[in-house]
Amino acid sequence: MAPNPMDKSSINIGAKLRKRRQELGMTLSDVADSIGVTKGFLSDVERDKTSPSVASLLRICDALNMPIGALFPNNDSQVIRQSERLPIKFGGIDIEDYLINAHQQSRFQAILSQMRPGGGGGEELYSVNAQEEFVFVLQGSVRITLEGETIVLEQGDTMSFNPRLPHTFKNNSDTKPAEALFIVSPPPRN
């Protein structure tokens, strides 16, 4: 789902990625070739015309030697009211993600993911440079694929796993939304 460039209710990451790439003196081709995507795709990401999968976003940040947390605002407040949350473009398909602990010094990263029917992190497996990931399904049913094994979590179910193992997630329903809280510790630094 492409973001609306005029929508100020979300955080656009493209400009930050472009700035970092230019700081490193890298071309679009340099980055695209190093991570196995097209130059056009990377250009669309930098212009916030498309939202990459979680796996692609992690690879882009890795190629730019950039912690993924640098893409999101640094909020020194420990309280983030529901009405003050801004969607982040963390990657994925048919999904709204919210970084719900924006404090840069936190020892964990908490992401609230609201998935439309069939939405999720994308088909491609990815890994995160962290020690532990915790998932709590708040609504609906979420399918976690971890090293080729599929686990279905229903509302109220939780799961912990090593986020360095290849994984992805998806709303298990094609008709109902799902919502899950993902906590990663320590926050990924790539």
N, C-alpha and C. Protein backbone atom coordinates (compact mmCIF):
# COMPACT_ATOMS: atom_id res chain seq x y z
N MET A 1 0.85 -1.17 0.00
CA MET A 1 0.00 0.00 0.00
C MET A 1 0.89 1.23 0.00
N ALA A 2 0.72 2.09 -0.95
CA ALA A 2 1.53 3.30 -1.05
C ALA A 2 1.00 4.36 -0.10
N PRO A 3 1.92 5.04 0.61
CA PRO A 3 1.48 6.10 1.50
C PRO A 3 1.03 7.31 0.70
N ASN A 4 0.21 8.11 1.30
CA ASN A 4 -0.21 9.37 0.70
C ASN A 4 0.80 10.42 1.11
N PRO A 5 1.59 10.97 0.16
CA PRO A 5 2.62 11.94 0.53
C PRO A 5 2.06 13.17 1.22
N MET A 6 0.77 13.47 1.02
CA MET A 6 0.17 14.63 1.66
C MET A 6 -0.33 14.32 3.06
N ASP A 7 -0.32 13.06 3.44
CA ASP A 7 -0.84 12.64 4.75
C ASP A 7 0.21 12.91 5.82
N LYS A 8 0.00 13.94 6.61
CA LYS A 8 0.95 14.30 7.66
C LYS A 8 0.71 13.52 8.95
N SER A 9 -0.27 12.60 8.93
CA SER A 9 -0.55 11.82 10.13
C SER A 9 0.35 10.60 10.22
N SER A 10 1.29 10.48 9.29
CA SER A 10 2.23 9.36 9.37
C SER A 10 3.65 9.88 9.20
N ILE A 11 4.59 9.06 9.59
CA ILE A 11 6.00 9.44 9.54
C ILE A 11 6.59 8.88 8.27
N ASN A 12 7.09 9.75 7.41
CA ASN A 12 7.68 9.33 6.16
C ASN A 12 9.18 9.10 6.36
N ILE A 13 9.61 7.90 6.05
CA ILE A 13 11.00 7.51 6.30
C ILE A 13 11.91 7.75 5.12
N GLY A 14 11.34 7.96 3.94
CA GLY A 14 12.13 8.05 2.72
C GLY A 14 13.21 9.11 2.76
N ALA A 15 12.88 10.31 3.23
CA ALA A 15 13.85 11.40 3.27
C ALA A 15 15.03 11.05 4.17
N LYS A 16 14.76 10.35 5.26
CA LYS A 16 15.85 9.97 6.18
C LYS A 16 16.76 8.94 5.53
N LEU A 17 16.17 8.00 4.80
CA LEU A 17 16.98 7.01 4.09
C LEU A 17 17.83 7.69 3.01
N ARG A 18 17.22 8.59 2.24
CA ARG A 18 17.95 9.29 1.18
C ARG A 18 19.09 10.11 1.77
N LYS A 19 18.81 10.83 2.86
CA LYS A 19 19.85 11.66 3.49
C LYS A 19 21.03 10.80 3.94
N ARG A 20 20.74 9.67 4.56
CA ARG A 20 21.81 8.79 5.03
C ARG A 20 22.61 8.24 3.85
N ARG A 21 21.92 7.83 2.79
CA ARG A 21 22.61 7.29 1.60
C ARG A 21 23.54 8.35 1.02
N GLN A 22 23.06 9.58 0.93
CA GLN A 22 23.87 10.66 0.39
C GLN A 22 25.04 11.01 1.31
N GLU A 23 24.83 10.94 2.63
CA GLU A 23 25.92 11.17 3.58
C GLU A 23 27.05 10.18 3.37
N LEU A 24 26.68 8.95 3.01
CA LEU A 24 27.67 7.90 2.78
C LEU A 24 28.27 7.96 1.38
N GLY A 25 27.77 8.86 0.54
CA GLY A 25 28.27 8.98 -0.82
C GLY A 25 27.87 7.80 -1.71
N MET A 26 26.77 7.16 -1.37
CA MET A 26 26.30 6.00 -2.13
C MET A 26 25.23 6.43 -3.13
N THR A 27 25.21 5.76 -4.27
CA THR A 27 24.16 6.01 -5.26
C THR A 27 23.00 5.06 -5.00
N LEU A 28 21.87 5.35 -5.63
CA LEU A 28 20.73 4.43 -5.56
C LEU A 28 21.16 3.04 -6.03
N SER A 29 21.93 3.00 -7.11
CA SER A 29 22.40 1.71 -7.65
C SER A 29 23.28 0.98 -6.65
N ASP A 30 24.16 1.70 -5.96
CA ASP A 30 25.03 1.05 -4.96
C ASP A 30 24.20 0.31 -3.93
N VAL A 31 23.23 0.99 -3.37
CA VAL A 31 22.41 0.39 -2.31
C VAL A 31 21.52 -0.71 -2.88
N ALA A 32 20.85 -0.42 -3.99
CA ALA A 32 19.94 -1.40 -4.59
C ALA A 32 20.68 -2.69 -4.94
N ASP A 33 21.84 -2.56 -5.57
CA ASP A 33 22.61 -3.75 -5.95
C ASP A 33 23.07 -4.54 -4.73
N SER A 34 23.42 -3.84 -3.65
CA SER A 34 23.94 -4.54 -2.47
C SER A 34 22.87 -5.32 -1.71
N ILE A 35 21.60 -4.96 -1.91
CA ILE A 35 20.54 -5.65 -1.17
C ILE A 35 19.58 -6.42 -2.06
N GLY A 36 19.82 -6.39 -3.37
CA GLY A 36 19.01 -7.20 -4.27
C GLY A 36 17.64 -6.65 -4.60
N VAL A 37 17.52 -5.32 -4.69
CA VAL A 37 16.26 -4.71 -5.13
C VAL A 37 16.57 -3.82 -6.33
N THR A 38 15.55 -3.36 -7.01
CA THR A 38 15.78 -2.49 -8.15
C THR A 38 16.01 -1.05 -7.70
N LYS A 39 16.71 -0.33 -8.54
CA LYS A 39 16.94 1.09 -8.28
C LYS A 39 15.61 1.84 -8.22
N GLY A 40 14.66 1.48 -9.09
CA GLY A 40 13.35 2.12 -9.10
C GLY A 40 12.59 1.90 -7.80
N PHE A 41 12.66 0.67 -7.28
CA PHE A 41 12.00 0.37 -6.01
C PHE A 41 12.59 1.23 -4.89
N LEU A 42 13.92 1.28 -4.82
CA LEU A 42 14.57 2.07 -3.77
C LEU A 42 14.23 3.55 -3.92
N SER A 43 14.18 4.04 -5.15
CA SER A 43 13.79 5.42 -5.39
C SER A 43 12.36 5.68 -4.89
N ASP A 44 11.45 4.74 -5.15
CA ASP A 44 10.07 4.89 -4.67
C ASP A 44 10.02 4.90 -3.14
N VAL A 45 10.84 4.07 -2.49
CA VAL A 45 10.89 4.06 -1.02
C VAL A 45 11.38 5.41 -0.52
N GLU A 46 12.45 5.94 -1.13
CA GLU A 46 12.99 7.22 -0.69
C GLU A 46 12.02 8.38 -0.91
N ARG A 47 11.12 8.24 -1.87
CA ARG A 47 10.13 9.29 -2.13
C ARG A 47 8.80 9.00 -1.44
N ASP A 48 8.80 7.98 -0.57
CA ASP A 48 7.60 7.57 0.18
C ASP A 48 6.43 7.26 -0.75
N LYS A 49 6.75 6.70 -1.91
CA LYS A 49 5.71 6.30 -2.86
C LYS A 49 5.32 4.84 -2.67
N THR A 50 6.16 4.10 -1.94
CA THR A 50 5.84 2.71 -1.62
C THR A 50 6.39 2.39 -0.24
N SER A 51 5.79 1.41 0.38
CA SER A 51 6.23 0.96 1.70
C SER A 51 6.91 -0.39 1.53
N PRO A 52 8.18 -0.51 1.91
CA PRO A 52 8.89 -1.78 1.73
C PRO A 52 8.41 -2.82 2.74
N SER A 53 8.68 -4.08 2.42
CA SER A 53 8.43 -5.13 3.41
C SER A 53 9.37 -4.91 4.59
N VAL A 54 9.08 -5.55 5.70
CA VAL A 54 9.96 -5.46 6.86
C VAL A 54 11.36 -5.94 6.48
N ALA A 55 11.42 -7.07 5.75
CA ALA A 55 12.72 -7.62 5.34
C ALA A 55 13.50 -6.62 4.50
N SER A 56 12.84 -5.98 3.54
CA SER A 56 13.52 -5.00 2.69
C SER A 56 13.99 -3.79 3.49
N LEU A 57 13.15 -3.30 4.39
CA LEU A 57 13.53 -2.14 5.19
C LEU A 57 14.74 -2.46 6.07
N LEU A 58 14.78 -3.65 6.65
CA LEU A 58 15.94 -4.04 7.46
C LEU A 58 17.20 -4.12 6.61
N ARG A 59 17.08 -4.65 5.38
CA ARG A 59 18.26 -4.73 4.49
C ARG A 59 18.73 -3.34 4.08
N ILE A 60 17.78 -2.44 3.80
CA ILE A 60 18.16 -1.07 3.43
C ILE A 60 18.92 -0.42 4.58
N CYS A 61 18.38 -0.52 5.79
CA CYS A 61 19.05 0.07 6.96
C CYS A 61 20.43 -0.55 7.17
N ASP A 62 20.53 -1.85 6.98
CA ASP A 62 21.81 -2.53 7.14
C ASP A 62 22.82 -2.01 6.12
N ALA A 63 22.40 -1.87 4.86
CA ALA A 63 23.30 -1.37 3.81
C ALA A 63 23.76 0.06 4.11
N LEU A 64 22.91 0.82 4.79
CA LEU A 64 23.24 2.21 5.13
C LEU A 64 23.89 2.33 6.51
N ASN A 65 24.15 1.17 7.14
CA ASN A 65 24.74 1.15 8.49
C ASN A 65 23.98 2.10 9.40
N MET A 66 22.66 1.90 9.42
CA MET A 66 21.75 2.82 10.10
C MET A 66 20.81 2.01 11.00
N PRO A 67 20.74 2.31 12.28
CA PRO A 67 19.77 1.60 13.12
C PRO A 67 18.35 1.95 12.68
N ILE A 68 17.50 0.96 12.65
CA ILE A 68 16.13 1.19 12.18
C ILE A 68 15.41 2.23 13.05
N GLY A 69 15.78 2.31 14.31
CA GLY A 69 15.17 3.29 15.21
C GLY A 69 15.44 4.72 14.81
N ALA A 70 16.51 4.95 14.03
CA ALA A 70 16.83 6.30 13.59
C ALA A 70 15.80 6.85 12.60
N LEU A 71 14.96 5.98 12.08
CA LEU A 71 13.93 6.42 11.12
C LEU A 71 12.73 7.06 11.81
N PHE A 72 12.62 6.87 13.10
CA PHE A 72 11.42 7.27 13.80
C PHE A 72 11.74 8.37 14.81
N PRO A 73 10.74 9.16 15.18
CA PRO A 73 11.00 10.32 16.04
C PRO A 73 11.50 9.92 17.42
N ASN A 74 12.31 10.81 17.97
CA ASN A 74 12.80 10.62 19.33
C ASN A 74 11.89 11.43 20.25
N ASN A 75 11.11 10.72 21.00
CA ASN A 75 10.17 11.37 21.92
C ASN A 75 10.69 11.11 23.34
N ASP A 76 11.11 12.15 24.03
CA ASP A 76 11.66 11.96 25.37
C ASP A 76 10.61 11.64 26.41
N SER A 77 9.37 11.79 26.08
CA SER A 77 8.29 11.49 27.02
C SER A 77 8.10 9.98 27.14
N GLN A 78 7.81 9.53 28.33
CA GLN A 78 7.52 8.12 28.55
C GLN A 78 6.05 7.82 28.30
N VAL A 79 5.23 8.85 28.16
CA VAL A 79 3.79 8.66 27.94
C VAL A 79 3.47 9.03 26.50
N ILE A 80 2.85 8.11 25.80
CA ILE A 80 2.36 8.39 24.45
C ILE A 80 0.87 8.07 24.46
N ARG A 81 0.06 9.09 24.39
CA ARG A 81 -1.39 8.92 24.40
C ARG A 81 -1.84 8.33 23.07
N GLN A 82 -2.91 7.54 23.14
CA GLN A 82 -3.43 6.93 21.92
C GLN A 82 -3.69 7.99 20.85
N SER A 83 -4.22 9.12 21.26
CA SER A 83 -4.54 10.18 20.32
C SER A 83 -3.29 10.84 19.72
N GLU A 84 -2.12 10.62 20.33
CA GLU A 84 -0.88 11.24 19.87
C GLU A 84 -0.02 10.29 19.04
N ARG A 85 -0.42 9.04 18.95
CA ARG A 85 0.38 8.08 18.17
C ARG A 85 0.34 8.42 16.69
N LEU A 86 1.48 8.31 16.05
CA LEU A 86 1.55 8.49 14.61
C LEU A 86 1.90 7.16 13.97
N PRO A 87 1.24 6.82 12.86
CA PRO A 87 1.63 5.60 12.17
C PRO A 87 3.06 5.72 11.64
N ILE A 88 3.78 4.62 11.65
CA ILE A 88 5.12 4.58 11.06
C ILE A 88 5.07 3.64 9.87
N LYS A 89 5.92 3.89 8.91
CA LYS A 89 5.99 3.02 7.75
C LYS A 89 7.14 2.05 7.98
N PHE A 90 6.83 1.01 8.72
CA PHE A 90 7.83 0.04 9.13
C PHE A 90 7.96 -1.09 8.11
N GLY A 91 7.15 -1.06 7.10
CA GLY A 91 7.16 -2.11 6.09
C GLY A 91 5.96 -3.01 6.24
N GLY A 92 5.76 -3.86 5.29
CA GLY A 92 4.65 -4.78 5.34
C GLY A 92 3.57 -4.44 4.34
N ILE A 93 2.52 -5.24 4.36
CA ILE A 93 1.43 -5.13 3.40
C ILE A 93 0.11 -5.04 4.16
N ASP A 94 -0.72 -4.08 3.81
CA ASP A 94 -2.03 -3.90 4.44
C ASP A 94 -1.92 -3.89 5.97
N ILE A 95 -1.05 -3.02 6.46
CA ILE A 95 -0.77 -2.97 7.89
C ILE A 95 -0.50 -1.54 8.31
N GLU A 96 -0.91 -1.19 9.51
CA GLU A 96 -0.55 0.08 10.14
C GLU A 96 0.27 -0.28 11.37
N ASP A 97 1.48 0.26 11.45
CA ASP A 97 2.35 0.01 12.59
C ASP A 97 2.50 1.30 13.38
N TYR A 98 2.57 1.17 14.69
CA TYR A 98 2.77 2.30 15.59
C TYR A 98 3.92 1.96 16.53
N LEU A 99 4.95 2.79 16.54
CA LEU A 99 6.01 2.65 17.53
C LEU A 99 5.46 3.27 18.80
N ILE A 100 5.18 2.44 19.79
CA ILE A 100 4.46 2.95 20.97
C ILE A 100 5.37 3.19 22.16
N ASN A 101 6.67 3.10 21.95
CA ASN A 101 7.62 3.58 22.95
C ASN A 101 8.75 4.27 22.19
N ALA A 102 8.56 5.53 21.92
CA ALA A 102 9.47 6.26 21.05
C ALA A 102 10.72 6.77 21.76
N HIS A 103 10.90 6.47 23.01
CA HIS A 103 12.07 6.95 23.74
C HIS A 103 13.32 6.22 23.26
N GLN A 104 14.30 6.96 22.74
CA GLN A 104 15.49 6.36 22.14
C GLN A 104 16.32 5.54 23.13
N GLN A 105 16.25 5.85 24.41
CA GLN A 105 17.07 5.15 25.39
C GLN A 105 16.42 3.87 25.93
N SER A 106 15.28 3.52 25.42
CA SER A 106 14.56 2.35 25.91
C SER A 106 15.35 1.07 25.65
N ARG A 107 15.16 0.09 26.51
CA ARG A 107 15.84 -1.20 26.36
C ARG A 107 15.02 -2.17 25.53
N PHE A 108 13.89 -1.69 25.00
CA PHE A 108 13.07 -2.52 24.12
C PHE A 108 12.36 -1.62 23.12
N GLN A 109 11.86 -2.25 22.07
CA GLN A 109 11.07 -1.55 21.06
C GLN A 109 9.69 -2.19 21.04
N ALA A 110 8.64 -1.40 21.21
CA ALA A 110 7.27 -1.92 21.20
C ALA A 110 6.55 -1.38 19.98
N ILE A 111 5.99 -2.30 19.20
CA ILE A 111 5.28 -1.93 17.97
C ILE A 111 3.88 -2.52 18.02
N LEU A 112 2.89 -1.67 17.85
CA LEU A 112 1.51 -2.12 17.74
C LEU A 112 1.21 -2.24 16.26
N SER A 113 0.84 -3.44 15.82
CA SER A 113 0.54 -3.69 14.41
C SER A 113 -0.94 -3.99 14.24
N GLN A 114 -1.59 -3.19 13.42
CA GLN A 114 -2.99 -3.40 13.08
C GLN A 114 -3.04 -3.86 11.63
N MET A 115 -3.43 -5.14 11.45
CA MET A 115 -3.40 -5.77 10.14
C MET A 115 -4.79 -5.88 9.55
N ARG A 116 -4.95 -5.40 8.34
CA ARG A 116 -6.20 -5.62 7.63
C ARG A 116 -6.25 -7.10 7.23
N PRO A 117 -7.39 -7.61 6.80
CA PRO A 117 -7.47 -9.02 6.40
C PRO A 117 -6.36 -9.38 5.40
N GLY A 118 -5.62 -10.43 5.71
CA GLY A 118 -4.52 -10.89 4.86
C GLY A 118 -3.25 -10.08 4.97
N GLY A 119 -3.25 -8.99 5.74
CA GLY A 119 -2.08 -8.12 5.85
C GLY A 119 -1.03 -8.70 6.79
N GLY A 120 0.19 -8.16 6.70
CA GLY A 120 1.26 -8.60 7.58
C GLY A 120 2.61 -8.06 7.17
N GLY A 121 3.65 -8.75 7.61
CA GLY A 121 5.02 -8.31 7.40
C GLY A 121 5.57 -8.59 6.02
N GLY A 122 4.82 -9.24 5.16
CA GLY A 122 5.29 -9.60 3.82
C GLY A 122 5.63 -11.08 3.78
N GLU A 123 5.73 -11.62 2.58
CA GLU A 123 5.99 -13.06 2.41
C GLU A 123 7.44 -13.42 2.70
N GLU A 124 8.35 -12.48 2.49
CA GLU A 124 9.77 -12.75 2.65
C GLU A 124 10.14 -12.84 4.13
N LEU A 125 10.86 -13.90 4.48
CA LEU A 125 11.34 -14.05 5.86
C LEU A 125 12.43 -13.02 6.13
N TYR A 126 12.50 -12.53 7.34
CA TYR A 126 13.52 -11.57 7.73
C TYR A 126 14.02 -11.92 9.13
N SER A 127 15.15 -11.35 9.50
CA SER A 127 15.66 -11.52 10.86
C SER A 127 15.98 -10.14 11.42
N VAL A 128 15.98 -10.05 12.74
CA VAL A 128 16.20 -8.78 13.43
C VAL A 128 17.38 -8.97 14.38
N ASN A 129 18.30 -8.01 14.37
CA ASN A 129 19.48 -8.08 15.22
C ASN A 129 19.10 -7.67 16.65
N ALA A 130 18.53 -8.62 17.38
CA ALA A 130 18.11 -8.41 18.76
C ALA A 130 18.17 -9.75 19.49
N GLN A 131 17.92 -9.75 20.78
CA GLN A 131 18.01 -10.96 21.59
C GLN A 131 16.69 -11.72 21.70
N GLU A 132 15.59 -10.97 21.78
CA GLU A 132 14.30 -11.63 22.00
C GLU A 132 13.18 -10.82 21.37
N GLU A 133 12.19 -11.54 20.84
CA GLU A 133 10.98 -10.91 20.33
C GLU A 133 9.79 -11.58 21.01
N PHE A 134 8.84 -10.75 21.40
CA PHE A 134 7.63 -11.21 22.09
C PHE A 134 6.43 -10.72 21.29
N VAL A 135 5.45 -11.59 21.09
CA VAL A 135 4.23 -11.25 20.35
C VAL A 135 3.04 -11.52 21.25
N PHE A 136 2.12 -10.57 21.32
CA PHE A 136 0.87 -10.73 22.06
C PHE A 136 -0.27 -10.36 21.11
N VAL A 137 -1.12 -11.33 20.78
CA VAL A 137 -2.23 -11.08 19.87
C VAL A 137 -3.38 -10.46 20.65
N LEU A 138 -3.72 -9.23 20.30
CA LEU A 138 -4.77 -8.48 20.99
C LEU A 138 -6.15 -8.71 20.38
N GLN A 139 -6.17 -8.98 19.07
CA GLN A 139 -7.43 -9.18 18.36
C GLN A 139 -7.18 -10.07 17.16
N GLY A 140 -8.10 -10.97 16.88
CA GLY A 140 -8.01 -11.79 15.68
C GLY A 140 -7.05 -12.95 15.82
N SER A 141 -6.46 -13.31 14.69
CA SER A 141 -5.58 -14.47 14.60
C SER A 141 -4.37 -14.10 13.76
N VAL A 142 -3.17 -14.39 14.25
CA VAL A 142 -1.93 -14.03 13.56
C VAL A 142 -1.11 -15.29 13.31
N ARG A 143 -0.68 -15.43 12.06
CA ARG A 143 0.15 -16.58 11.68
C ARG A 143 1.61 -16.14 11.68
N ILE A 144 2.43 -16.80 12.49
CA ILE A 144 3.86 -16.54 12.55
C ILE A 144 4.56 -17.66 11.80
N THR A 145 5.44 -17.31 10.87
CA THR A 145 6.28 -18.30 10.20
C THR A 145 7.68 -18.10 10.75
N LEU A 146 8.21 -19.14 11.37
CA LEU A 146 9.52 -19.09 12.03
C LEU A 146 10.34 -20.27 11.55
N GLU A 147 11.40 -19.99 10.79
CA GLU A 147 12.27 -21.03 10.23
C GLU A 147 11.47 -22.11 9.49
N GLY A 148 10.48 -21.70 8.72
CA GLY A 148 9.70 -22.64 7.93
C GLY A 148 8.54 -23.29 8.67
N GLU A 149 8.46 -23.12 9.98
CA GLU A 149 7.35 -23.67 10.76
C GLU A 149 6.28 -22.59 10.93
N THR A 150 5.02 -22.98 10.80
CA THR A 150 3.91 -22.04 10.94
C THR A 150 3.22 -22.25 12.28
N ILE A 151 3.06 -21.16 13.01
CA ILE A 151 2.37 -21.17 14.30
C ILE A 151 1.23 -20.17 14.21
N VAL A 152 0.01 -20.59 14.56
CA VAL A 152 -1.13 -19.69 14.54
C VAL A 152 -1.44 -19.28 15.98
N LEU A 153 -1.44 -17.97 16.21
CA LEU A 153 -1.76 -17.42 17.52
C LEU A 153 -3.14 -16.78 17.46
N GLU A 154 -3.97 -17.10 18.43
CA GLU A 154 -5.31 -16.53 18.52
C GLU A 154 -5.32 -15.40 19.55
N GLN A 155 -6.39 -14.64 19.59
CA GLN A 155 -6.52 -13.54 20.55
C GLN A 155 -6.16 -14.02 21.95
N GLY A 156 -5.27 -13.28 22.62
CA GLY A 156 -4.83 -13.62 23.97
C GLY A 156 -3.59 -14.48 24.01
N ASP A 157 -3.21 -15.10 22.89
CA ASP A 157 -2.01 -15.94 22.85
C ASP A 157 -0.76 -15.07 22.78
N THR A 158 0.34 -15.62 23.32
CA THR A 158 1.63 -14.95 23.26
C THR A 158 2.68 -15.92 22.74
N MET A 159 3.79 -15.37 22.31
CA MET A 159 4.90 -16.18 21.83
C MET A 159 6.19 -15.39 22.00
N SER A 160 7.25 -16.07 22.40
CA SER A 160 8.58 -15.47 22.46
C SER A 160 9.50 -16.30 21.58
N PHE A 161 10.44 -15.64 20.90
CA PHE A 161 11.38 -16.37 20.05
C PHE A 161 12.62 -15.53 19.80
N ASN A 162 13.62 -16.16 19.22
CA ASN A 162 14.86 -15.50 18.85
C ASN A 162 14.63 -14.76 17.53
N PRO A 163 14.65 -13.43 17.53
CA PRO A 163 14.34 -12.68 16.31
C PRO A 163 15.42 -12.78 15.24
N ARG A 164 16.56 -13.39 15.57
CA ARG A 164 17.61 -13.58 14.56
C ARG A 164 17.27 -14.74 13.62
N LEU A 165 16.29 -15.56 14.03
CA LEU A 165 15.84 -16.65 13.17
C LEU A 165 14.92 -16.07 12.09
N PRO A 166 15.01 -16.57 10.86
CA PRO A 166 14.15 -16.05 9.79
C PRO A 166 12.67 -16.23 10.13
N HIS A 167 11.92 -15.13 10.01
CA HIS A 167 10.50 -15.18 10.37
C HIS A 167 9.72 -14.09 9.64
N THR A 168 8.41 -14.22 9.69
CA THR A 168 7.49 -13.19 9.23
C THR A 168 6.14 -13.44 9.90
N PHE A 169 5.19 -12.56 9.67
CA PHE A 169 3.87 -12.70 10.31
C PHE A 169 2.80 -12.22 9.35
N LYS A 170 1.58 -12.70 9.58
CA LYS A 170 0.47 -12.33 8.72
C LYS A 170 -0.84 -12.53 9.46
N ASN A 171 -1.81 -11.66 9.18
CA ASN A 171 -3.17 -11.86 9.68
C ASN A 171 -3.66 -13.18 9.08
N ASN A 172 -4.08 -14.09 9.92
CA ASN A 172 -4.49 -15.42 9.46
C ASN A 172 -5.87 -15.42 8.81
N SER A 173 -6.57 -14.30 8.86
CA SER A 173 -7.92 -14.21 8.30
C SER A 173 -7.94 -13.35 7.03
N ASP A 174 -8.74 -13.77 6.07
CA ASP A 174 -8.94 -12.97 4.87
C ASP A 174 -10.18 -12.09 4.97
N THR A 175 -10.86 -12.14 6.13
CA THR A 175 -12.10 -11.37 6.28
C THR A 175 -12.13 -10.47 7.51
N LYS A 176 -11.29 -10.74 8.51
CA LYS A 176 -11.33 -9.96 9.76
C LYS A 176 -9.97 -9.34 10.05
N PRO A 177 -9.95 -8.15 10.67
CA PRO A 177 -8.67 -7.54 11.04
C PRO A 177 -8.03 -8.27 12.22
N ALA A 178 -6.74 -8.02 12.40
CA ALA A 178 -6.01 -8.56 13.55
C ALA A 178 -5.13 -7.45 14.11
N GLU A 179 -4.81 -7.57 15.39
CA GLU A 179 -3.97 -6.59 16.05
C GLU A 179 -3.03 -7.33 16.99
N ALA A 180 -1.75 -6.96 16.95
CA ALA A 180 -0.77 -7.62 17.81
C ALA A 180 0.25 -6.61 18.30
N LEU A 181 0.76 -6.88 19.49
CA LEU A 181 1.84 -6.10 20.08
C LEU A 181 3.13 -6.90 19.91
N PHE A 182 4.14 -6.29 19.29
CA PHE A 182 5.44 -6.91 19.11
C PHE A 182 6.44 -6.14 19.97
N ILE A 183 7.17 -6.86 20.81
CA ILE A 183 8.20 -6.23 21.64
C ILE A 183 9.53 -6.90 21.31
N VAL A 184 10.52 -6.08 20.96
CA VAL A 184 11.84 -6.58 20.59
C VAL A 184 12.84 -5.99 21.57
N SER A 185 13.72 -6.86 22.08
CA SER A 185 14.72 -6.40 23.04
C SER A 185 16.07 -7.03 22.74
N PRO A 186 17.12 -6.22 22.80
CA PRO A 186 17.12 -4.76 22.82
C PRO A 186 16.62 -4.23 21.48
N PRO A 187 16.34 -2.92 21.39
CA PRO A 187 15.87 -2.38 20.12
C PRO A 187 16.88 -2.69 19.01
N PRO A 188 16.40 -3.08 17.84
CA PRO A 188 17.32 -3.42 16.75
C PRO A 188 18.22 -2.25 16.39
N ARG A 189 19.48 -2.53 16.26
CA ARG A 189 20.46 -1.50 15.87
C ARG A 189 21.04 -1.82 14.50
N ASN A 190 20.67 -2.99 13.96
CA ASN A 190 21.17 -3.52 12.69
C ASN A 190 22.65 -3.63 12.80
